[in-house]
Amino acid sequence: MVRCGEAAVRILVGMGEKELPRTSRPAESALRAVGVTDLVELAKWTRADLAALHGVGPKAIRILGEALSAAGLAFSGE
């Protein structure tokens, strides 16, 4: 059995470094509905604008903020 690290798995399944992290299904649906498909697009939004979307709660915003930080990005206005 061969074990791979997360980076290797991302390469194998075609996940980019700027891909959105997994959050709740309602949050993911809300983001897709407004055209947010990656971290670069997400960085154009403020926390308040995201919180106004139905299905995007504090936990999803925290997870998204951590992903932005890890990618060297931030929410708009931060």
Protein backbone atom coordinates (compact mmCIF):
# COMPACT_ATOMS: atom_id res chain seq x y z
CA MET A 1 0.00 0.00 0.00
CA VAL A 2 1.34 3.43 -0.96
CA ARG A 3 0.54 6.44 1.22
CA CYS A 4 0.49 9.99 -0.11
CA GLY A 5 0.57 13.34 1.60
CA GLU A 6 -2.22 15.87 1.06
CA ALA A 7 -0.18 17.81 -1.54
CA ALA A 8 0.35 14.63 -3.58
CA VAL A 9 -3.34 13.79 -3.37
CA ARG A 10 -4.24 17.29 -4.59
CA ILE A 11 -2.00 16.83 -7.61
CA LEU A 12 -3.42 13.38 -8.31
CA VAL A 13 -7.02 14.54 -8.24
CA GLY A 14 -6.37 17.90 -9.90
CA MET A 15 -7.07 20.17 -6.93
CA GLY A 16 -5.40 23.56 -7.20
CA GLU A 17 -3.90 25.54 -4.36
CA LYS A 18 -6.57 28.23 -4.81
CA GLU A 19 -9.53 25.85 -4.56
CA LEU A 20 -12.19 26.55 -1.95
CA PRO A 21 -12.04 24.37 1.16
CA ARG A 22 -14.90 22.06 2.10
CA THR A 23 -17.54 23.76 4.23
CA SER A 24 -21.21 22.97 4.75
CA ARG A 25 -23.35 22.00 1.79
CA PRO A 26 -25.55 25.13 2.16
CA ALA A 27 -22.47 27.39 2.22
CA GLU A 28 -20.95 25.68 -0.82
CA SER A 29 -24.25 26.05 -2.71
CA ALA A 30 -24.53 29.72 -1.77
CA LEU A 31 -20.98 30.43 -2.96
CA ARG A 32 -21.54 28.62 -6.26
CA ALA A 33 -24.81 30.54 -6.77
CA VAL A 34 -22.95 33.87 -6.67
CA GLY A 35 -20.05 32.64 -8.81
CA VAL A 36 -17.42 32.15 -6.11
CA THR A 37 -15.49 29.10 -7.27
CA ASP A 38 -11.98 29.70 -5.93
CA LEU A 39 -10.04 31.64 -3.30
CA VAL A 40 -9.11 34.45 -5.68
CA GLU A 41 -12.80 35.14 -6.34
CA LEU A 42 -13.59 34.76 -2.63
CA ALA A 43 -11.00 37.42 -1.76
CA LYS A 44 -13.17 39.99 -3.58
CA TRP A 45 -15.86 39.58 -0.90
CA THR A 46 -16.05 41.05 2.59
CA ARG A 47 -16.93 38.92 5.62
CA ALA A 48 -20.16 40.93 5.98
CA ASP A 49 -21.18 40.30 2.36
CA LEU A 50 -20.60 36.56 2.80
CA ALA A 51 -22.52 36.49 6.08
CA ALA A 52 -25.51 38.00 4.26
CA LEU A 53 -25.71 34.97 1.97
CA HIS A 54 -28.28 32.38 3.02
CA GLY A 55 -26.38 29.29 4.18
CA VAL A 56 -23.08 30.97 5.01
CA GLY A 57 -22.59 31.11 8.76
CA PRO A 58 -19.76 31.97 11.16
CA LYS A 59 -18.14 28.53 10.93
CA ALA A 60 -18.01 28.64 7.12
CA ILE A 61 -16.58 32.16 7.22
CA ARG A 62 -13.90 31.02 9.69
CA ILE A 63 -12.94 28.06 7.48
CA LEU A 64 -12.86 30.26 4.37
CA GLY A 65 -10.79 32.91 6.17
CA GLU A 66 -8.25 30.29 7.25
CA ALA A 67 -7.97 29.04 3.66
CA LEU A 68 -7.47 32.58 2.36
CA SER A 69 -4.75 33.16 4.96
CA ALA A 70 -2.97 29.93 4.05
CA ALA A 71 -2.97 31.03 0.40
CA GLY A 72 -1.61 34.49 1.24
CA LEU A 73 -4.95 36.17 0.55
CA ALA A 74 -7.57 37.95 2.67
CA PHE A 75 -11.18 39.01 2.52
CA SER A 76 -11.79 42.35 0.79
CA GLY A 77 -11.02 45.29 3.05
CA GLU A 78 -8.76 43.32 5.41
